[in-house]
Amino acid sequence: MTESPDFSDNFVKKFNELIAWRRDVRRFRADAIPASLVEDCLRLANLSPSVGLSQPWRFVRVRSAEARQEVISSFETCNRDALETYEGEKRTHYARLKLEGLKEAPVHLAVFCDTGTLQGSRLGRLTMPEMLHYSVVTAVHTFWLAARARGLGVGWVSILDPDAIAKVCQAHADWRLVAYLCIGWPMQDADTPELQSAGWEHRRLPDDFLTTV
């Protein structure tokens, strides 16, 4: 059995800083990313917990200009539709937000959940099948932290048509889109969410979400 590592106070401090400085990045430099960096992050993401050890995450690199343009077109259509749901000052505010970095980010990664996987023999998901999707989210978050620790920025784009993205990625019929990630070197680092800096929303305190029964 491998000996458990000693997570020192300094490590815990650095880990806390990593969590605090993980941001949803929308503004990227055009510099290329070494393929090995993304592969390292993917290897760590594959160590994420998953229900029944099902490992339902499926990653698709979106490289071709044609495929990326289809993704951008999907965003533009969905973003126009989203804008129509707001009125007045909120609509004006929404229109000013930068909600993606699809054109600037050198790396695009689509993340799917394989809802038809037999791995794990359905353990832990007979009553909560959505646990497959939650497992994929843990892999996304692990990838995100690993990327941030290496100086990379990640942006999660959700203003997309999942069916359109699945078609672009030639996804299996059982795959469901969970995340579309833009990855690159951030224009700047920040410990405050851009939506908070832009005045869209503010972060609430932990006590706001904790109840006792």
C-alpha atoms as a PDB file:
ATOM      1  CA  MET A   1       0.000   0.000   0.000  1.00  0.00           C
ATOM      2  CA  THR A   2       1.288   3.467  -0.914  1.00  0.00           C
ATOM      3  CA  GLU A   3       2.039   5.614   2.108  1.00  0.00           C
ATOM      4  CA  SER A   4      -0.315   8.539   2.580  1.00  0.00           C
ATOM      5  CA  PRO A   5       1.379  11.886   1.875  1.00  0.00           C
ATOM      6  CA  ASP A   6       1.786  14.513   4.545  1.00  0.00           C
ATOM      7  CA  PHE A   7      -0.221  17.560   3.508  1.00  0.00           C
ATOM      8  CA  SER A   8       1.653  20.313   5.291  1.00  0.00           C
ATOM      9  CA  ASP A   9       0.233  23.600   6.516  1.00  0.00           C
ATOM     10  CA  ASN A  10       1.994  25.305   3.612  1.00  0.00           C
ATOM     11  CA  PHE A  11       0.347  22.920   1.156  1.00  0.00           C
ATOM     12  CA  VAL A  12      -3.070  23.646   2.664  1.00  0.00           C
ATOM     13  CA  LYS A  13      -2.391  27.385   2.367  1.00  0.00           C
ATOM     14  CA  LYS A  14      -1.447  27.007  -1.288  1.00  0.00           C
ATOM     15  CA  PHE A  15      -4.481  24.817  -1.936  1.00  0.00           C
ATOM     16  CA  ASN A  16      -6.711  27.478  -0.397  1.00  0.00           C
ATOM     17  CA  GLU A  17      -5.118  30.044  -2.700  1.00  0.00           C
ATOM     18  CA  LEU A  18      -5.735  27.787  -5.690  1.00  0.00           C
ATOM     19  CA  ILE A  19      -9.442  27.580  -4.851  1.00  0.00           C
ATOM     20  CA  ALA A  20      -9.675  31.333  -4.285  1.00  0.00           C
ATOM     21  CA  TRP A  21      -7.881  32.205  -7.524  1.00  0.00           C
ATOM     22  CA  ARG A  22      -9.710  29.751  -9.783  1.00  0.00           C
ATOM     23  CA  ARG A  23     -11.726  31.919 -12.115  1.00  0.00           C
ATOM     24  CA  ASP A  24     -14.051  31.490 -15.083  1.00  0.00           C
ATOM     25  CA  VAL A  25     -11.844  33.078 -17.748  1.00  0.00           C
ATOM     26  CA  ARG A  26     -13.228  34.789 -20.843  1.00  0.00           C
ATOM     27  CA  ARG A  27     -10.239  36.830 -22.005  1.00  0.00           C
ATOM     28  CA  PHE A  28      -7.281  34.887 -23.404  1.00  0.00           C
ATOM     29  CA  ARG A  29      -3.942  35.615 -25.009  1.00  0.00           C
ATOM     30  CA  ALA A  30      -3.398  34.036 -28.410  1.00  0.00           C
ATOM     31  CA  ASP A  31      -0.238  32.168 -27.324  1.00  0.00           C
ATOM     32  CA  ALA A  32      -0.239  28.451 -28.029  1.00  0.00           C
ATOM     33  CA  ILE A  33      -0.443  25.911 -25.220  1.00  0.00           C
ATOM     34  CA  PRO A  34       1.954  22.940 -25.073  1.00  0.00           C
ATOM     35  CA  ALA A  35      -0.105  19.788 -25.644  1.00  0.00           C
ATOM     36  CA  SER A  36       1.562  18.178 -22.638  1.00  0.00           C
ATOM     37  CA  LEU A  37      -0.056  20.710 -20.280  1.00  0.00           C
ATOM     38  CA  VAL A  38      -3.577  19.836 -21.388  1.00  0.00           C
ATOM     39  CA  GLU A  39      -2.736  16.124 -21.278  1.00  0.00           C
ATOM     40  CA  ASP A  40      -1.471  16.501 -17.692  1.00  0.00           C
ATOM     41  CA  CYS A  41      -4.754  18.155 -16.698  1.00  0.00           C
ATOM     42  CA  LEU A  42      -6.749  15.405 -18.396  1.00  0.00           C
ATOM     43  CA  ARG A  43      -4.792  12.721 -16.543  1.00  0.00           C
ATOM     44  CA  LEU A  44      -5.618  14.398 -13.249  1.00  0.00           C
ATOM     45  CA  ALA A  45      -9.260  14.804 -14.244  1.00  0.00           C
ATOM     46  CA  ASN A  46      -9.377  11.065 -14.811  1.00  0.00           C
ATOM     47  CA  LEU A  47      -8.542  10.587 -11.101  1.00  0.00           C
ATOM     48  CA  SER A  48     -11.801  12.315 -10.119  1.00  0.00           C
ATOM     49  CA  PRO A  49     -14.395  10.436  -8.056  1.00  0.00           C
ATOM     50  CA  SER A  50     -17.240   8.844  -9.991  1.00  0.00           C
ATOM     51  CA  VAL A  51     -20.313   6.915  -8.958  1.00  0.00           C
ATOM     52  CA  GLY A  52     -19.554   3.177  -8.981  1.00  0.00           C
ATOM     53  CA  LEU A  53     -16.138   3.985 -10.492  1.00  0.00           C
ATOM     54  CA  SER A  54     -18.027   4.467 -13.751  1.00  0.00           C
ATOM     55  CA  GLN A  55     -15.723   7.200 -15.146  1.00  0.00           C
ATOM     56  CA  PRO A  56     -18.505   8.466 -17.431  1.00  0.00           C
ATOM     57  CA  TRP A  57     -16.592  11.517 -18.706  1.00  0.00           C
ATOM     58  CA  ARG A  58     -15.829  11.724 -22.408  1.00  0.00           C
ATOM     59  CA  PHE A  59     -13.560  14.519 -23.683  1.00  0.00           C
ATOM     60  CA  VAL A  60     -13.561  15.773 -27.277  1.00  0.00           C
ATOM     61  CA  ARG A  61     -10.921  18.175 -28.590  1.00  0.00           C
ATOM     62  CA  VAL A  62     -12.513  20.601 -31.047  1.00  0.00           C
ATOM     63  CA  ARG A  63      -9.682  21.632 -33.344  1.00  0.00           C
ATOM     64  CA  SER A  64     -10.934  22.293 -36.869  1.00  0.00           C
ATOM     65  CA  ALA A  65     -11.854  25.839 -37.874  1.00  0.00           C
ATOM     66  CA  GLU A  66     -15.134  24.584 -39.322  1.00  0.00           C
ATOM     67  CA  ALA A  67     -16.173  22.860 -36.105  1.00  0.00           C
ATOM     68  CA  ARG A  68     -15.223  25.861 -33.986  1.00  0.00           C
ATOM     69  CA  GLN A  69     -17.206  28.180 -36.231  1.00  0.00           C
ATOM     70  CA  GLU A  70     -20.279  25.999 -35.766  1.00  0.00           C
ATOM     71  CA  VAL A  71     -19.829  26.253 -31.999  1.00  0.00           C
ATOM     72  CA  ILE A  72     -19.476  30.036 -32.250  1.00  0.00           C
ATOM     73  CA  SER A  73     -22.611  30.211 -34.385  1.00  0.00           C
ATOM     74  CA  SER A  74     -24.502  28.175 -31.787  1.00  0.00           C
ATOM     75  CA  PHE A  75     -23.366  30.567 -29.062  1.00  0.00           C
ATOM     76  CA  GLU A  76     -24.394  33.638 -31.059  1.00  0.00           C
ATOM     77  CA  THR A  77     -27.865  32.225 -31.695  1.00  0.00           C
ATOM     78  CA  CYS A  78     -28.394  31.118 -28.087  1.00  0.00           C
ATOM     79  CA  ASN A  79     -27.008  34.379 -26.744  1.00  0.00           C
ATOM     80  CA  ARG A  80     -29.463  36.405 -28.837  1.00  0.00           C
ATOM     81  CA  ASP A  81     -32.289  34.248 -27.515  1.00  0.00           C
ATOM     82  CA  ALA A  82     -31.077  34.725 -23.943  1.00  0.00           C
ATOM     83  CA  LEU A  83     -30.902  38.495 -24.409  1.00  0.00           C
ATOM     84  CA  GLU A  84     -34.590  38.516 -25.351  1.00  0.00           C
ATOM     85  CA  THR A  85     -35.492  37.126 -21.905  1.00  0.00           C
ATOM     86  CA  TYR A  86     -34.268  40.294 -20.164  1.00  0.00           C
ATOM     87  CA  GLU A  87     -35.798  43.752 -20.088  1.00  0.00           C
ATOM     88  CA  GLY A  88     -34.721  47.279 -19.307  1.00  0.00           C
ATOM     89  CA  GLU A  89     -31.469  47.863 -17.448  1.00  0.00           C
ATOM     90  CA  LYS A  90     -30.854  44.132 -16.987  1.00  0.00           C
ATOM     91  CA  ARG A  91     -31.038  43.642 -20.764  1.00  0.00           C
ATOM     92  CA  THR A  92     -28.553  46.462 -21.336  1.00  0.00           C
ATOM     93  CA  HIS A  93     -26.262  45.027 -18.670  1.00  0.00           C
ATOM     94  CA  TYR A  94     -26.444  41.518 -20.167  1.00  0.00           C
ATOM     95  CA  ALA A  95     -25.561  42.837 -23.628  1.00  0.00           C
ATOM     96  CA  ARG A  96     -22.344  44.357 -22.235  1.00  0.00           C
ATOM     97  CA  LEU A  97     -21.106  41.146 -20.596  1.00  0.00           C
ATOM     98  CA  LYS A  98     -18.374  39.051 -22.190  1.00  0.00           C
ATOM     99  CA  LEU A  99     -19.746  35.543 -21.837  1.00  0.00           C
ATOM    100  CA  GLU A 100     -17.319  33.464 -23.861  1.00  0.00           C
ATOM    101  CA  GLY A 101     -13.797  33.297 -25.226  1.00  0.00           C
ATOM    102  CA  LEU A 102     -14.496  31.006 -28.140  1.00  0.00           C
ATOM    103  CA  LYS A 103     -12.674  33.070 -30.738  1.00  0.00           C
ATOM    104  CA  GLU A 104      -9.598  33.786 -28.629  1.00  0.00           C
ATOM    105  CA  ALA A 105      -8.971  30.529 -26.732  1.00  0.00           C
ATOM    106  CA  PRO A 106      -6.372  28.293 -28.441  1.00  0.00           C
ATOM    107  CA  VAL A 107      -7.912  25.095 -27.025  1.00  0.00           C
ATOM    108  CA  HIS A 108     -11.566  23.995 -27.081  1.00  0.00           C
ATOM    109  CA  LEU A 109     -12.679  20.944 -25.113  1.00  0.00           C
ATOM    110  CA  ALA A 110     -16.192  19.514 -25.071  1.00  0.00           C
ATOM    111  CA  VAL A 111     -17.027  17.293 -22.105  1.00  0.00           C
ATOM    112  CA  PHE A 112     -19.808  14.726 -22.325  1.00  0.00           C
ATOM    113  CA  CYS A 113     -21.432  12.241 -19.974  1.00  0.00           C
ATOM    114  CA  ASP A 114     -21.771   8.714 -21.350  1.00  0.00           C
ATOM    115  CA  THR A 115     -25.221   7.859 -20.002  1.00  0.00           C
ATOM    116  CA  GLY A 116     -25.054   4.398 -21.524  1.00  0.00           C
ATOM    117  CA  THR A 117     -21.793   3.272 -19.942  1.00  0.00           C
ATOM    118  CA  LEU A 118     -21.778  -0.216 -18.444  1.00  0.00           C
ATOM    119  CA  GLN A 119     -18.685   0.523 -16.357  1.00  0.00           C
ATOM    120  CA  GLY A 120     -19.551   0.485 -12.672  1.00  0.00           C
ATOM    121  CA  SER A 121     -22.465  -1.930 -13.228  1.00  0.00           C
ATOM    122  CA  ARG A 122     -24.973   0.810 -12.288  1.00  0.00           C
ATOM    123  CA  LEU A 123     -23.756   0.872  -8.674  1.00  0.00           C
ATOM    124  CA  GLY A 124     -25.066   3.980  -6.886  1.00  0.00           C
ATOM    125  CA  ARG A 125     -27.262   5.241  -9.702  1.00  0.00           C
ATOM    126  CA  LEU A 126     -30.387   3.112  -9.709  1.00  0.00           C
ATOM    127  CA  THR A 127     -32.161   5.659  -7.520  1.00  0.00           C
ATOM    128  CA  MET A 128     -30.148   8.680  -8.697  1.00  0.00           C
ATOM    129  CA  PRO A 129     -29.109   8.209 -12.340  1.00  0.00           C
ATOM    130  CA  GLU A 130     -28.086  11.863 -12.439  1.00  0.00           C
ATOM    131  CA  MET A 131     -25.024  10.827 -10.427  1.00  0.00           C
ATOM    132  CA  LEU A 132     -23.348  10.070 -13.758  1.00  0.00           C
ATOM    133  CA  HIS A 133     -23.617  13.735 -14.706  1.00  0.00           C
ATOM    134  CA  TYR A 134     -22.461  14.856 -11.275  1.00  0.00           C
ATOM    135  CA  SER A 135     -19.418  12.614 -11.659  1.00  0.00           C
ATOM    136  CA  VAL A 136     -18.523  14.368 -14.907  1.00  0.00           C
ATOM    137  CA  VAL A 137     -18.790  17.737 -13.145  1.00  0.00           C
ATOM    138  CA  THR A 138     -16.190  16.577 -10.604  1.00  0.00           C
ATOM    139  CA  ALA A 139     -13.863  15.761 -13.507  1.00  0.00           C
ATOM    140  CA  VAL A 140     -14.451  19.207 -15.002  1.00  0.00           C
ATOM    141  CA  HIS A 141     -13.634  20.850 -11.682  1.00  0.00           C
ATOM    142  CA  THR A 142     -10.495  18.753 -11.213  1.00  0.00           C
ATOM    143  CA  PHE A 143      -9.370  19.688 -14.729  1.00  0.00           C
ATOM    144  CA  TRP A 144     -10.095  23.344 -13.946  1.00  0.00           C
ATOM    145  CA  LEU A 145      -7.995  23.355 -10.781  1.00  0.00           C
ATOM    146  CA  ALA A 146      -5.154  21.492 -12.486  1.00  0.00           C
ATOM    147  CA  ALA A 147      -5.180  24.017 -15.319  1.00  0.00           C
ATOM    148  CA  ARG A 148      -5.172  26.974 -12.934  1.00  0.00           C
ATOM    149  CA  ALA A 149      -2.246  25.508 -10.998  1.00  0.00           C
ATOM    150  CA  ARG A 150      -0.304  25.469 -14.284  1.00  0.00           C
ATOM    151  CA  GLY A 151      -1.165  29.082 -15.078  1.00  0.00           C
ATOM    152  CA  LEU A 152      -3.872  28.244 -17.606  1.00  0.00           C
ATOM    153  CA  GLY A 153      -7.306  29.834 -17.659  1.00  0.00           C
ATOM    154  CA  VAL A 154     -10.532  27.919 -18.264  1.00  0.00           C
ATOM    155  CA  GLY A 155     -13.914  29.281 -19.294  1.00  0.00           C
ATOM    156  CA  TRP A 156     -17.072  27.156 -19.090  1.00  0.00           C
ATOM    157  CA  VAL A 157     -19.471  28.140 -21.896  1.00  0.00           C
ATOM    158  CA  SER A 158     -23.068  27.012 -21.352  1.00  0.00           C
ATOM    159  CA  ILE A 159     -24.933  29.347 -23.720  1.00  0.00           C
ATOM    160  CA  LEU A 160     -24.974  26.668 -26.413  1.00  0.00           C
ATOM    161  CA  ASP A 161     -27.398  24.225 -28.007  1.00  0.00           C
ATOM    162  CA  PRO A 162     -26.335  20.823 -26.602  1.00  0.00           C
ATOM    163  CA  ASP A 163     -27.700  18.945 -29.621  1.00  0.00           C
ATOM    164  CA  ALA A 164     -25.790  21.182 -32.020  1.00  0.00           C
ATOM    165  CA  ILE A 165     -22.556  20.683 -30.087  1.00  0.00           C
ATOM    166  CA  ALA A 166     -23.087  16.927 -29.955  1.00  0.00           C
ATOM    167  CA  LYS A 167     -23.455  16.935 -33.745  1.00  0.00           C
ATOM    168  CA  VAL A 168     -20.301  19.015 -34.196  1.00  0.00           C
ATOM    169  CA  CYS A 169     -18.397  16.594 -31.956  1.00  0.00           C
ATOM    170  CA  GLN A 170     -19.853  13.513 -33.646  1.00  0.00           C
ATOM    171  CA  ALA A 171     -20.877  12.350 -30.181  1.00  0.00           C
ATOM    172  CA  HIS A 172     -22.313   8.912 -29.495  1.00  0.00           C
ATOM    173  CA  ALA A 173     -26.102   8.808 -29.142  1.00  0.00           C
ATOM    174  CA  ASP A 174     -25.797   8.119 -25.401  1.00  0.00           C
ATOM    175  CA  TRP A 175     -23.510  11.072 -24.741  1.00  0.00           C
ATOM    176  CA  ARG A 176     -24.936  14.224 -23.158  1.00  0.00           C
ATOM    177  CA  LEU A 177     -23.080  17.541 -23.148  1.00  0.00           C
ATOM    178  CA  VAL A 178     -22.019  18.687 -19.677  1.00  0.00           C
ATOM    179  CA  ALA A 179     -19.437  21.379 -20.403  1.00  0.00           C
ATOM    180  CA  TYR A 180     -17.776  23.240 -23.237  1.00  0.00           C
ATOM    181  CA  LEU A 181     -14.417  24.574 -22.082  1.00  0.00           C
ATOM    182  CA  CYS A 182     -12.265  27.337 -23.543  1.00  0.00           C
ATOM    183  CA  ILE A 183      -8.649  26.984 -22.426  1.00  0.00           C
ATOM    184  CA  GLY A 184      -5.761  29.391 -22.786  1.00  0.00           C
ATOM    185  CA  TRP A 185      -3.383  31.784 -21.091  1.00  0.00           C
ATOM    186  CA  PRO A 186      -5.504  34.412 -19.305  1.00  0.00           C
ATOM    187  CA  MET A 187      -5.074  38.071 -20.152  1.00  0.00           C
ATOM    188  CA  GLN A 188      -4.940  38.735 -16.415  1.00  0.00           C
ATOM    189  CA  ASP A 189      -5.409  36.896 -13.133  1.00  0.00           C
ATOM    190  CA  ALA A 190      -8.062  37.861 -10.594  1.00  0.00           C
ATOM    191  CA  ASP A 191      -9.434  36.511  -7.338  1.00  0.00           C
ATOM    192  CA  THR A 192     -12.868  38.078  -7.948  1.00  0.00           C
ATOM    193  CA  PRO A 193     -15.373  36.627 -10.441  1.00  0.00           C
ATOM    194  CA  GLU A 194     -15.746  38.822 -13.522  1.00  0.00           C
ATOM    195  CA  LEU A 195     -19.540  38.806 -13.153  1.00  0.00           C
ATOM    196  CA  GLN A 196     -19.097  40.238  -9.664  1.00  0.00           C
ATOM    197  CA  SER A 197     -16.664  42.887 -10.901  1.00  0.00           C
ATOM    198  CA  ALA A 198     -19.147  43.758 -13.654  1.00  0.00           C
ATOM    199  CA  GLY A 199     -21.926  44.189 -11.110  1.00  0.00           C
ATOM    200  CA  TRP A 200     -24.078  41.322 -12.373  1.00  0.00           C
ATOM    201  CA  GLU A 201     -24.129  39.379  -9.091  1.00  0.00           C
ATOM    202  CA  HIS A 202     -22.257  39.131  -5.806  1.00  0.00           C
ATOM    203  CA  ARG A 203     -20.944  36.127  -3.941  1.00  0.00           C
ATOM    204  CA  ARG A 204     -22.889  35.270  -0.810  1.00  0.00           C
ATOM    205  CA  LEU A 205     -21.434  33.882   2.409  1.00  0.00           C
ATOM    206  CA  PRO A 206     -21.431  30.161   3.378  1.00  0.00           C
ATOM    207  CA  ASP A 207     -23.926  30.760   6.188  1.00  0.00           C
ATOM    208  CA  ASP A 208     -26.493  31.824   3.574  1.00  0.00           C
ATOM    209  CA  PHE A 209     -26.588  28.242   2.306  1.00  0.00           C
ATOM    210  CA  LEU A 210     -26.317  26.254   5.523  1.00  0.00           C
ATOM    211  CA  THR A 211     -29.305  24.970   7.467  1.00  0.00           C
ATOM    212  CA  THR A 212     -29.620  22.492  10.299  1.00  0.00           C
ATOM    213  CA  VAL A 213     -32.392  19.933  10.771  1.00  0.00           C
END
